[in-house]
PDB file of N, CA and C in Angstrom:
ATOM      1  N   MET A   1      32.824  73.105 121.680  1.00  0.00           N
ATOM      2  CA  MET A   1      33.981  73.641 122.093  1.00  0.00           C
ATOM      3  C   MET A   1      35.242  73.329 122.678  1.00  0.00           C
ATOM      4  N   PRO A   2      35.141  71.868 122.594  1.00  0.00           N
ATOM      5  CA  PRO A   2      35.757  70.720 123.464  1.00  0.00           C
ATOM      6  C   PRO A   2      36.928  70.673 123.216  1.00  0.00           C
ATOM      7  N   PHE A   3      38.194  70.340 123.584  1.00  0.00           N
ATOM      8  CA  PHE A   3      39.064  69.271 123.608  1.00  0.00           C
ATOM      9  C   PHE A   3      39.792  68.393 123.923  1.00  0.00           C
ATOM     10  N   ILE A   4      39.773  67.044 123.753  1.00  0.00           N
ATOM     11  CA  ILE A   4      40.925  66.645 124.856  1.00  0.00           C
ATOM     12  C   ILE A   4      42.031  66.117 124.410  1.00  0.00           C
ATOM     13  N   ASN A   5      42.791  65.723 125.624  1.00  0.00           N
ATOM     14  CA  ASN A   5      44.337  66.094 125.132  1.00  0.00           C
ATOM     15  C   ASN A   5      44.488  64.405 125.476  1.00  0.00           C
ATOM     16  N   THR A   6      44.979  63.595 125.055  1.00  0.00           N
ATOM     17  CA  THR A   6      45.601  61.721 126.456  1.00  0.00           C
ATOM     18  C   THR A   6      47.139  62.426 125.738  1.00  0.00           C
ATOM     19  N   LYS A   7      46.872  62.003 127.359  1.00  0.00           N
ATOM     20  CA  LYS A   7      49.099  61.412 127.523  1.00  0.00           C
ATOM     21  C   LYS A   7      48.792  59.674 127.228  1.00  0.00           C
ATOM     22  N   VAL A   8      49.961  59.030 126.797  1.00  0.00           N
ATOM     23  CA  VAL A   8      49.510  57.340 126.849  1.00  0.00           C
ATOM     24  C   VAL A   8      51.066  57.248 126.870  1.00  0.00           C
ATOM     25  N   THR A   9      51.712  55.997 127.747  1.00  0.00           N
ATOM     26  CA  THR A   9      52.309  55.563 127.652  1.00  0.00           C
ATOM     27  C   THR A   9      53.216  54.478 126.925  1.00  0.00           C
ATOM     28  N   THR A  10      52.395  54.371 125.964  1.00  0.00           N
ATOM     29  CA  THR A  10      52.384  53.308 124.803  1.00  0.00           C
ATOM     30  C   THR A  10      52.736  54.350 123.277  1.00  0.00           C
ATOM     31  N   GLU A  11      52.722  53.452 122.394  1.00  0.00           N
ATOM     32  CA  GLU A  11      52.771  54.605 121.396  1.00  0.00           C
ATOM     33  C   GLU A  11      51.390  53.981 120.603  1.00  0.00           C
ATOM     34  N   ILE A  12      51.076  55.270 119.819  1.00  0.00           N
ATOM     35  CA  ILE A  12      50.028  55.442 118.992  1.00  0.00           C
ATOM     36  C   ILE A  12      50.350  55.638 117.487  1.00  0.00           C
ATOM     37  N   PRO A  13      50.413  54.248 116.758  1.00  0.00           N
ATOM     38  CA  PRO A  13      50.463  54.505 115.304  1.00  0.00           C
ATOM     39  C   PRO A  13      48.986  55.125 115.297  1.00  0.00           C
ATOM     40  N   LYS A  14      49.865  55.894 113.848  1.00  0.00           N
ATOM     41  CA  LYS A  14      48.707  56.573 113.243  1.00  0.00           C
ATOM     42  C   LYS A  14      47.293  55.963 112.711  1.00  0.00           C
ATOM     43  N   GLU A  15      47.421  54.825 112.421  1.00  0.00           N
ATOM     44  CA  GLU A  15      46.016  53.752 112.362  1.00  0.00           C
ATOM     45  C   GLU A  15      45.620  54.038 113.428  1.00  0.00           C
ATOM     46  N   LYS A  16      45.890  53.707 114.302  1.00  0.00           N
ATOM     47  CA  LYS A  16      45.062  54.260 115.822  1.00  0.00           C
ATOM     48  C   LYS A  16      44.597  54.867 116.024  1.00  0.00           C
ATOM     49  N   GLU A  17      46.068  56.314 115.384  1.00  0.00           N
ATOM     50  CA  GLU A  17      45.282  58.125 116.096  1.00  0.00           C
ATOM     51  C   GLU A  17      43.899  58.295 115.269  1.00  0.00           C
ATOM     52  N   GLU A  18      43.754  57.124 113.824  1.00  0.00           N
ATOM     53  CA  GLU A  18      42.143  57.789 113.417  1.00  0.00           C
ATOM     54  C   GLU A  18      41.704  56.898 113.636  1.00  0.00           C
ATOM     55  N   ILE A  19      41.615  55.654 114.561  1.00  0.00           N
ATOM     56  CA  ILE A  19      39.992  55.341 115.041  1.00  0.00           C
ATOM     57  C   ILE A  19      39.963  55.813 116.896  1.00  0.00           C
ATOM     58  N   LEU A  20      40.889  56.104 117.177  1.00  0.00           N
ATOM     59  CA  LEU A  20      40.849  57.025 119.019  1.00  0.00           C
ATOM     60  C   LEU A  20      39.775  58.083 117.762  1.00  0.00           C
ATOM     61  N   LYS A  21      40.604  58.447 117.046  1.00  0.00           N
ATOM     62  CA  LYS A  21      40.493  60.347 116.701  1.00  0.00           C
ATOM     63  C   LYS A  21      38.214  59.986 116.202  1.00  0.00           C
ATOM     64  N   ALA A  22      38.286  59.324 115.562  1.00  0.00           N
ATOM     65  CA  ALA A  22      36.242  58.453 115.556  1.00  0.00           C
ATOM     66  C   ALA A  22      36.026  58.281 116.376  1.00  0.00           C
ATOM     67  N   GLU A  23      36.783  57.354 117.175  1.00  0.00           N
ATOM     68  CA  GLU A  23      35.577  57.117 118.521  1.00  0.00           C
ATOM     69  C   GLU A  23      35.413  57.811 120.157  1.00  0.00           C
ATOM     70  N   LEU A  24      36.507  59.125 120.298  1.00  0.00           N
ATOM     71  CA  LEU A  24      36.779  60.130 120.925  1.00  0.00           C
ATOM     72  C   LEU A  24      35.029  61.154 120.130  1.00  0.00           C
ATOM     73  N   GLY A  25      35.202  60.918 119.143  1.00  0.00           N
ATOM     74  CA  GLY A  25      34.263  61.991 118.486  1.00  0.00           C
ATOM     75  C   GLY A  25      33.418  61.771 118.469  1.00  0.00           C
ATOM     76  N   LYS A  26      33.042  60.329 118.734  1.00  0.00           N
ATOM     77  CA  LYS A  26      31.233  59.456 119.294  1.00  0.00           C
ATOM     78  C   LYS A  26      30.879  59.818 120.154  1.00  0.00           C
ATOM     79  N   ALA A  27      31.770  59.347 121.038  1.00  0.00           N
ATOM     80  CA  ALA A  27      31.573  59.830 123.220  1.00  0.00           C
ATOM     81  C   ALA A  27      31.236  61.298 123.195  1.00  0.00           C
ATOM     82  N   ILE A  28      31.822  62.647 122.870  1.00  0.00           N
ATOM     83  CA  ILE A  28      31.864  63.002 122.334  1.00  0.00           C
ATOM     84  C   ILE A  28      30.377  63.773 122.556  1.00  0.00           C
ATOM     85  N   THR A  29      29.511  63.305 122.114  1.00  0.00           N
ATOM     86  CA  THR A  29      27.715  63.724 121.661  1.00  0.00           C
ATOM     87  C   THR A  29      27.139  62.810 123.311  1.00  0.00           C
ATOM     88  N   LEU A  30      27.606  62.334 123.997  1.00  0.00           N
ATOM     89  CA  LEU A  30      26.898  61.347 125.872  1.00  0.00           C
ATOM     90  C   LEU A  30      27.166  62.950 126.143  1.00  0.00           C
ATOM     91  N   ILE A  31      27.617  63.825 125.972  1.00  0.00           N
ATOM     92  CA  ILE A  31      27.400  64.937 126.824  1.00  0.00           C
ATOM     93  C   ILE A  31      26.827  66.054 126.249  1.00  0.00           C
ATOM     94  N   GLY A  32      26.415  65.810 125.132  1.00  0.00           N
ATOM     95  CA  GLY A  32      25.635  66.559 124.706  1.00  0.00           C
ATOM     96  C   GLY A  32      26.434  67.375 123.240  1.00  0.00           C
ATOM     97  N   LYS A  33      28.145  67.619 123.375  1.00  0.00           N
ATOM     98  CA  LYS A  33      28.415  68.536 122.257  1.00  0.00           C
ATOM     99  C   LYS A  33      28.635  67.484 120.870  1.00  0.00           C
ATOM    100  N   GLY A  34      29.267  68.669 120.167  1.00  0.00           N
ATOM    101  CA  GLY A  34      28.992  67.689 118.744  1.00  0.00           C
ATOM    102  C   GLY A  34      30.804  67.361 118.359  1.00  0.00           C
ATOM    103  N   GLU A  35      30.880  66.169 117.160  1.00  0.00           N
ATOM    104  CA  GLU A  35      32.580  66.408 117.039  1.00  0.00           C
ATOM    105  C   GLU A  35      32.964  67.820 115.618  1.00  0.00           C
ATOM    106  N   ALA A  36      32.163  68.774 115.113  1.00  0.00           N
ATOM    107  CA  ALA A  36      31.981  69.447 114.332  1.00  0.00           C
ATOM    108  C   ALA A  36      33.219  70.462 115.078  1.00  0.00           C
ATOM    109  N   TYR A  37      33.396  71.042 116.090  1.00  0.00           N
ATOM    110  CA  TYR A  37      33.912  71.798 117.086  1.00  0.00           C
ATOM    111  C   TYR A  37      35.251  71.297 118.307  1.00  0.00           C
ATOM    112  N   LEU A  38      35.075  69.684 118.219  1.00  0.00           N
ATOM    113  CA  LEU A  38      36.176  68.890 118.881  1.00  0.00           C
ATOM    114  C   LEU A  38      37.593  68.882 118.395  1.00  0.00           C
ATOM    115  N   MET A  39      37.904  69.281 119.295  1.00  0.00           N
ATOM    116  CA  MET A  39      39.567  68.944 118.825  1.00  0.00           C
ATOM    117  C   MET A  39      40.468  68.406 119.909  1.00  0.00           C
ATOM    118  N   LEU A  40      41.646  67.957 119.506  1.00  0.00           N
ATOM    119  CA  LEU A  40      41.807  66.302 119.564  1.00  0.00           C
ATOM    120  C   LEU A  40      43.948  66.571 119.358  1.00  0.00           C
ATOM    121  N   GLY A  41      43.666  66.485 120.937  1.00  0.00           N
ATOM    122  CA  GLY A  41      45.793  66.114 121.201  1.00  0.00           C
ATOM    123  C   GLY A  41      45.699  64.618 121.445  1.00  0.00           C
ATOM    124  N   PHE A  42      46.945  64.267 120.866  1.00  0.00           N
ATOM    125  CA  PHE A  42      47.454  62.911 121.372  1.00  0.00           C
ATOM    126  C   PHE A  42      48.938  63.191 121.557  1.00  0.00           C
ATOM    127  N   GLU A  43      49.430  62.004 122.898  1.00  0.00           N
ATOM    128  CA  GLU A  43      50.870  62.558 123.058  1.00  0.00           C
ATOM    129  C   GLU A  43      50.680  61.224 123.317  1.00  0.00           C
ATOM    130  N   ASP A  44      51.997  60.700 122.935  1.00  0.00           N
ATOM    131  CA  ASP A  44      52.059  58.695 123.041  1.00  0.00           C
ATOM    132  C   ASP A  44      54.088  59.214 123.538  1.00  0.00           C
ATOM    133  N   ASN A  45      53.872  57.824 124.310  1.00  0.00           N
ATOM    134  CA  ASN A  45      56.047  57.386 124.507  1.00  0.00           C
ATOM    135  C   ASN A  45      55.469  58.276 125.645  1.00  0.00           C
ATOM    136  N   CYS A  46      54.769  58.804 126.643  1.00  0.00           N
ATOM    137  CA  CYS A  46      55.075  58.934 127.808  1.00  0.00           C
ATOM    138  C   CYS A  46      54.855  59.156 128.934  1.00  0.00           C
ATOM    139  N   ARG A  47      55.958  59.073 130.114  1.00  0.00           N
ATOM    140  CA  ARG A  47      56.630  58.394 130.763  1.00  0.00           C
ATOM    141  C   ARG A  47      55.510  59.259 132.555  1.00  0.00           C
ATOM    142  N   LEU A  48      54.498  58.225 132.238  1.00  0.00           N
ATOM    143  CA  LEU A  48      53.835  58.290 132.896  1.00  0.00           C
ATOM    144  C   LEU A  48      53.904  57.595 134.428  1.00  0.00           C
ATOM    145  N   TRP A  49      54.006  58.244 135.654  1.00  0.00           N
ATOM    146  CA  TRP A  49      54.052  57.591 137.306  1.00  0.00           C
ATOM    147  C   TRP A  49      52.058  57.307 137.498  1.00  0.00           C
ATOM    148  N   PHE A  50      51.764  56.278 137.559  1.00  0.00           N
ATOM    149  CA  PHE A  50      50.480  56.319 138.676  1.00  0.00           C
ATOM    150  C   PHE A  50      50.767  54.874 139.709  1.00  0.00           C
ATOM    151  N   GLN A  51      50.438  55.068 140.863  1.00  0.00           N
ATOM    152  CA  GLN A  51      50.183  54.358 142.215  1.00  0.00           C
ATOM    153  C   GLN A  51      51.897  53.604 142.593  1.00  0.00           C
ATOM    154  N   GLY A  52      52.188  55.137 142.044  1.00  0.00           N
ATOM    155  CA  GLY A  52      54.461  54.900 142.829  1.00  0.00           C
ATOM    156  C   GLY A  52      54.408  53.959 141.633  1.00  0.00           C
ATOM    157  N   ASN A  53      54.442  52.784 140.279  1.00  0.00           N
ATOM    158  CA  ASN A  53      55.274  52.719 139.180  1.00  0.00           C
ATOM    159  C   ASN A  53      55.148  53.318 138.512  1.00  0.00           C
ATOM    160  N   GLN A  54      55.149  52.096 137.315  1.00  0.00           N
ATOM    161  CA  GLN A  54      55.565  52.531 135.627  1.00  0.00           C
ATOM    162  C   GLN A  54      55.171  50.902 135.263  1.00  0.00           C
ATOM    163  N   GLN A  55      54.090  49.826 136.019  1.00  0.00           N
ATOM    164  CA  GLN A  55      54.697  48.522 135.713  1.00  0.00           C
ATOM    165  C   GLN A  55      52.328  48.382 134.765  1.00  0.00           C
ATOM    166  N   GLY A  56      52.742  49.078 133.946  1.00  0.00           N
ATOM    167  CA  GLY A  56      51.683  49.475 133.431  1.00  0.00           C
ATOM    168  C   GLY A  56      51.116  49.593 132.052  1.00  0.00           C
ATOM    169  N   ASP A  57      50.520  50.391 131.212  1.00  0.00           N
ATOM    170  CA  ASP A  57      50.536  51.594 130.846  1.00  0.00           C
ATOM    171  C   ASP A  57      49.805  52.086 131.382  1.00  0.00           C
ATOM    172  N   THR A  58      49.613  53.338 130.544  1.00  0.00           N
ATOM    173  CA  THR A  58      49.274  54.636 131.639  1.00  0.00           C
ATOM    174  C   THR A  58      47.926  55.161 130.576  1.00  0.00           C
ATOM    175  N   ALA A  59      47.073  55.919 131.259  1.00  0.00           N
ATOM    176  CA  ALA A  59      46.426  56.833 129.914  1.00  0.00           C
ATOM    177  C   ALA A  59      46.293  58.125 131.059  1.00  0.00           C
ATOM    178  N   TYR A  60      46.621  59.358 130.814  1.00  0.00           N
ATOM    179  CA  TYR A  60      46.009  60.490 131.075  1.00  0.00           C
ATOM    180  C   TYR A  60      45.019  61.695 130.172  1.00  0.00           C
ATOM    181  N   VAL A  61      43.853  61.528 130.425  1.00  0.00           N
ATOM    182  CA  VAL A  61      42.881  62.800 128.946  1.00  0.00           C
ATOM    183  C   VAL A  61      42.041  63.844 129.811  1.00  0.00           C
ATOM    184  N   GLU A  62      42.578  64.256 128.941  1.00  0.00           N
ATOM    185  CA  GLU A  62      41.952  65.685 129.467  1.00  0.00           C
ATOM    186  C   GLU A  62      40.761  66.619 129.013  1.00  0.00           C
ATOM    187  N   VAL A  63      39.545  66.115 129.074  1.00  0.00           N
ATOM    188  CA  VAL A  63      38.586  67.493 128.436  1.00  0.00           C
ATOM    189  C   VAL A  63      38.029  68.267 129.046  1.00  0.00           C
ATOM    190  N   ALA A  64      38.844  69.864 127.801  1.00  0.00           N
ATOM    191  CA  ALA A  64      38.283  70.998 128.749  1.00  0.00           C
ATOM    192  C   ALA A  64      36.595  71.764 128.172  1.00  0.00           C
ATOM    193  N   LEU A  65      35.725  72.079 128.156  1.00  0.00           N
ATOM    194  CA  LEU A  65      34.608  72.250 127.749  1.00  0.00           C
ATOM    195  C   LEU A  65      34.493  73.799 128.009  1.00  0.00           C
ATOM    196  N   LEU A  66      33.691  73.978 127.079  1.00  0.00           N
ATOM    197  CA  LEU A  66      32.716  75.122 127.321  1.00  0.00           C
ATOM    198  C   LEU A  66      31.422  74.754 127.589  1.00  0.00           C
ATOM    199  N   GLY A  67      31.524  75.455 129.433  1.00  0.00           N
ATOM    200  CA  GLY A  67      30.136  75.367 129.526  1.00  0.00           C
ATOM    201  C   GLY A  67      30.497  74.264 130.719  1.00  0.00           C
ATOM    202  N   LYS A  68      29.408  73.596 131.566  1.00  0.00           N
ATOM    203  CA  LYS A  68      29.198  72.734 132.704  1.00  0.00           C
ATOM    204  C   LYS A  68      28.757  71.767 131.828  1.00  0.00           C
ATOM    205  N   VAL A  69      29.574  70.933 132.733  1.00  0.00           N
ATOM    206  CA  VAL A  69      29.172  69.277 132.908  1.00  0.00           C
ATOM    207  C   VAL A  69      28.730  68.548 133.422  1.00  0.00           C
ATOM    208  N   THR A  70      27.003  68.093 133.569  1.00  0.00           N
ATOM    209  CA  THR A  70      26.889  67.367 134.974  1.00  0.00           C
ATOM    210  C   THR A  70      27.793  65.909 135.500  1.00  0.00           C
ATOM    211  N   LYS A  71      27.627  65.620 136.382  1.00  0.00           N
ATOM    212  CA  LYS A  71      28.444  64.309 137.261  1.00  0.00           C
ATOM    213  C   LYS A  71      27.743  62.968 136.244  1.00  0.00           C
ATOM    214  N   GLU A  72      26.864  63.021 135.580  1.00  0.00           N
ATOM    215  CA  GLU A  72      25.684  61.969 134.903  1.00  0.00           C
ATOM    216  C   GLU A  72      26.643  62.070 134.184  1.00  0.00           C
ATOM    217  N   ASN A  73      26.666  63.156 133.231  1.00  0.00           N
ATOM    218  CA  ASN A  73      27.949  63.378 131.852  1.00  0.00           C
ATOM    219  C   ASN A  73      28.778  62.737 131.508  1.00  0.00           C
ATOM    220  N   ALA A  74      29.338  63.363 132.713  1.00  0.00           N
ATOM    221  CA  ALA A  74      30.749  62.603 132.504  1.00  0.00           C
ATOM    222  C   ALA A  74      31.144  62.178 133.048  1.00  0.00           C
ATOM    223  N   ALA A  75      30.482  60.781 133.868  1.00  0.00           N
ATOM    224  CA  ALA A  75      31.038  59.790 134.627  1.00  0.00           C
ATOM    225  C   ALA A  75      30.329  58.425 133.147  1.00  0.00           C
ATOM    226  N   LYS A  76      29.467  59.137 132.187  1.00  0.00           N
ATOM    227  CA  LYS A  76      28.943  58.123 130.728  1.00  0.00           C
ATOM    228  C   LYS A  76      30.623  59.098 130.364  1.00  0.00           C
ATOM    229  N   LEU A  77      31.283  59.482 130.063  1.00  0.00           N
ATOM    230  CA  LEU A  77      31.595  60.046 128.645  1.00  0.00           C
ATOM    231  C   LEU A  77      33.670  59.363 129.730  1.00  0.00           C
ATOM    232  N   THR A  78      33.841  60.124 130.955  1.00  0.00           N
ATOM    233  CA  THR A  78      34.555  59.447 131.514  1.00  0.00           C
ATOM    234  C   THR A  78      34.964  57.049 131.361  1.00  0.00           C
ATOM    235  N   SER A  79      33.311  56.696 130.743  1.00  0.00           N
ATOM    236  CA  SER A  79      33.396  55.121 131.118  1.00  0.00           C
ATOM    237  C   SER A  79      33.940  55.168 129.510  1.00  0.00           C
ATOM    238  N   ALA A  80      33.192  55.578 128.451  1.00  0.00           N
ATOM    239  CA  ALA A  80      33.270  55.479 127.507  1.00  0.00           C
ATOM    240  C   ALA A  80      35.203  55.368 126.770  1.00  0.00           C
ATOM    241  N   ILE A  81      35.706  56.850 127.980  1.00  0.00           N
ATOM    242  CA  ILE A  81      36.509  57.087 127.359  1.00  0.00           C
ATOM    243  C   ILE A  81      37.635  55.432 127.237  1.00  0.00           C
ATOM    244  N   CYS A  82      36.948  55.235 128.686  1.00  0.00           N
ATOM    245  CA  CYS A  82      38.501  54.213 129.405  1.00  0.00           C
ATOM    246  C   CYS A  82      37.550  53.012 128.430  1.00  0.00           C
ATOM    247  N   ASP A  83      37.075  52.380 128.142  1.00  0.00           N
ATOM    248  CA  ASP A  83      36.605  51.976 127.171  1.00  0.00           C
ATOM    249  C   ASP A  83      37.432  51.932 125.871  1.00  0.00           C
ATOM    250  N   ILE A  84      37.406  53.567 125.213  1.00  0.00           N
ATOM    251  CA  ILE A  84      38.074  53.070 123.925  1.00  0.00           C
ATOM    252  C   ILE A  84      39.791  52.951 124.504  1.00  0.00           C
ATOM    253  N   MET A  85      40.210  53.767 125.748  1.00  0.00           N
ATOM    254  CA  MET A  85      41.633  52.865 125.958  1.00  0.00           C
ATOM    255  C   MET A  85      42.343  51.145 125.224  1.00  0.00           C
ATOM    256  N   ASN A  86      41.036  51.033 126.708  1.00  0.00           N
ATOM    257  CA  ASN A  86      41.500  49.382 126.619  1.00  0.00           C
ATOM    258  C   ASN A  86      40.974  48.922 125.313  1.00  0.00           C
ATOM    259  N   LYS A  87      40.687  48.840 124.708  1.00  0.00           N
ATOM    260  CA  LYS A  87      39.638  48.699 122.979  1.00  0.00           C
ATOM    261  C   LYS A  87      41.649  48.603 122.300  1.00  0.00           C
ATOM    262  N   GLU A  88      41.047  50.106 121.848  1.00  0.00           N
ATOM    263  CA  GLU A  88      42.172  50.562 120.938  1.00  0.00           C
ATOM    264  C   GLU A  88      43.991  50.559 121.430  1.00  0.00           C
ATOM    265  N   LEU A  89      43.866  50.750 122.612  1.00  0.00           N
ATOM    266  CA  LEU A  89      45.648  51.080 123.144  1.00  0.00           C
ATOM    267  C   LEU A  89      46.223  49.634 124.292  1.00  0.00           C
ATOM    268  N   SER A  90      44.836  48.600 124.809  1.00  0.00           N
ATOM    269  CA  SER A  90      44.922  47.655 126.111  1.00  0.00           C
ATOM    270  C   SER A  90      45.344  48.901 126.619  1.00  0.00           C
ATOM    271  N   ILE A  91      44.876  49.460 126.957  1.00  0.00           N
ATOM    272  CA  ILE A  91      45.360  50.380 128.731  1.00  0.00           C
ATOM    273  C   ILE A  91      43.596  50.334 129.280  1.00  0.00           C
ATOM    274  N   SER A  92      44.222  49.384 130.395  1.00  0.00           N
ATOM    275  CA  SER A  92      43.620  49.149 131.643  1.00  0.00           C
ATOM    276  C   SER A  92      42.575  50.019 132.176  1.00  0.00           C
ATOM    277  N   PRO A  93      41.205  49.984 132.146  1.00  0.00           N
ATOM    278  CA  PRO A  93      40.826  51.293 132.961  1.00  0.00           C
ATOM    279  C   PRO A  93      41.086  51.215 134.089  1.00  0.00           C
ATOM    280  N   ASP A  94      41.722  50.907 134.900  1.00  0.00           N
ATOM    281  CA  ASP A  94      42.446  50.974 136.088  1.00  0.00           C
ATOM    282  C   ASP A  94      43.161  51.487 136.234  1.00  0.00           C
ATOM    283  N   ARG A  95      43.675  52.149 134.734  1.00  0.00           N
ATOM    284  CA  ARG A  95      45.259  53.125 134.579  1.00  0.00           C
ATOM    285  C   ARG A  95      44.838  53.590 133.819  1.00  0.00           C
ATOM    286  N   VAL A  96      43.604  54.689 133.738  1.00  0.00           N
ATOM    287  CA  VAL A  96      43.815  55.774 133.749  1.00  0.00           C
ATOM    288  C   VAL A  96      42.656  56.249 134.534  1.00  0.00           C
ATOM    289  N   TYR A  97      43.505  58.333 133.597  1.00  0.00           N
ATOM    290  CA  TYR A  97      42.843  59.017 134.586  1.00  0.00           C
ATOM    291  C   TYR A  97      41.845  60.606 133.481  1.00  0.00           C
ATOM    292  N   VAL A  98      40.691  60.532 133.921  1.00  0.00           N
ATOM    293  CA  VAL A  98      39.935  61.514 133.177  1.00  0.00           C
ATOM    294  C   VAL A  98      39.729  62.637 134.136  1.00  0.00           C
ATOM    295  N   LYS A  99      40.254  63.827 133.497  1.00  0.00           N
ATOM    296  CA  LYS A  99      40.027  65.536 134.459  1.00  0.00           C
ATOM    297  C   LYS A  99      38.866  65.552 133.287  1.00  0.00           C
ATOM    298  N   PHE A 100      38.150  66.840 134.064  1.00  0.00           N
ATOM    299  CA  PHE A 100      36.898  67.504 133.343  1.00  0.00           C
ATOM    300  C   PHE A 100      37.633  69.356 133.454  1.00  0.00           C
ATOM    301  N   SER A 101      37.747  69.888 133.357  1.00  0.00           N
ATOM    302  CA  SER A 101      37.977  71.334 132.872  1.00  0.00           C
ATOM    303  C   SER A 101      36.743  72.506 132.206  1.00  0.00           C
ATOM    304  N   GLU A 102      36.584  73.000 133.227  1.00  0.00           N
ATOM    305  CA  GLU A 102      35.269  73.992 132.863  1.00  0.00           C
ATOM    306  C   GLU A 102      35.535  74.868 132.419  1.00  0.00           C
ATOM    307  N   THR A 103      34.614  75.796 131.845  1.00  0.00           N
ATOM    308  CA  THR A 103      35.791  77.538 132.214  1.00  0.00           C
ATOM    309  C   THR A 103      34.690  77.783 130.375  1.00  0.00           C
ATOM    310  N   ASP A 104      33.991  79.372 131.270  1.00  0.00           N
ATOM    311  CA  ASP A 104      32.554  80.303 131.170  1.00  0.00           C
ATOM    312  C   ASP A 104      33.437  80.994 129.920  1.00  0.00           C
ATOM    313  N   ILE A 105      34.391  81.290 129.970  1.00  0.00           N
ATOM    314  CA  ILE A 105      34.899  82.001 127.848  1.00  0.00           C
ATOM    315  C   ILE A 105      36.114  80.636 127.809  1.00  0.00           C
ATOM    316  N   TRP A 106      35.737  80.696 126.317  1.00  0.00           N
ATOM    317  CA  TRP A 106      36.236  80.845 125.183  1.00  0.00           C
ATOM    318  C   TRP A 106      36.799  81.075 123.944  1.00  0.00           C
ATOM    319  N   GLY A 107      37.906  81.685 123.579  1.00  0.00           N
ATOM    320  CA  GLY A 107      37.959  82.049 122.106  1.00  0.00           C
ATOM    321  C   GLY A 107      38.190  80.969 121.205  1.00  0.00           C
ATOM    322  N   PHE A 108      37.695  81.445 120.188  1.00  0.00           N
ATOM    323  CA  PHE A 108      38.282  81.002 118.513  1.00  0.00           C
ATOM    324  C   PHE A 108      37.731  82.204 117.722  1.00  0.00           C
ATOM    325  N   ASN A 109      38.249  81.681 116.553  1.00  0.00           N
ATOM    326  CA  ASN A 109      38.268  82.751 115.266  1.00  0.00           C
ATOM    327  C   ASN A 109      38.106  83.791 115.447  1.00  0.00           C
ATOM    328  N   ASN A 110      39.088  84.530 116.177  1.00  0.00           N
ATOM    329  CA  ASN A 110      38.778  86.060 116.676  1.00  0.00           C
ATOM    330  C   ASN A 110      37.756  86.730 117.664  1.00  0.00           C
ATOM    331  N   ILE A 111      36.760  85.738 117.696  1.00  0.00           N
ATOM    332  CA  ILE A 111      35.995  85.928 119.514  1.00  0.00           C
ATOM    333  C   ILE A 111      36.004  85.655 120.304  1.00  0.00           C
ATOM    334  N   VAL A 112      34.754  85.642 121.521  1.00  0.00           N
ATOM    335  CA  VAL A 112      34.958  84.770 122.722  1.00  0.00           C
ATOM    336  C   VAL A 112      33.567  84.776 122.630  1.00  0.00           C
ATOM    337  N   PHE A 113      33.795  83.371 123.740  1.00  0.00           N
ATOM    338  CA  PHE A 113      32.364  82.874 123.546  1.00  0.00           C
ATOM    339  C   PHE A 113      31.731  83.259 125.188  1.00  0.00           C
TER     340      PHE A 113
END
């Protein structure tokens, strides 16, 4: 039941969004989750300030999860996300934040897990 919400300062053309969707779908497997229940959100052209400036494209990526993730797996996914942002949107890894949010309760399809 992961949700990855991505906010970036640059534009995400439709064709890039499709690539991001596919690449993030692959990356989520690094933490033992599958793409079957993965939800993605993309917000482009955001006004993000980082290190007191707006001198470079920036990304804030939040990964919300049902259950826990190990620090080792979180590091693997963070690296993959930074690589994806760099390769597909030319956002330098040193301007990418990845936040992990874990929960024990998640609702879906009229039920709660």
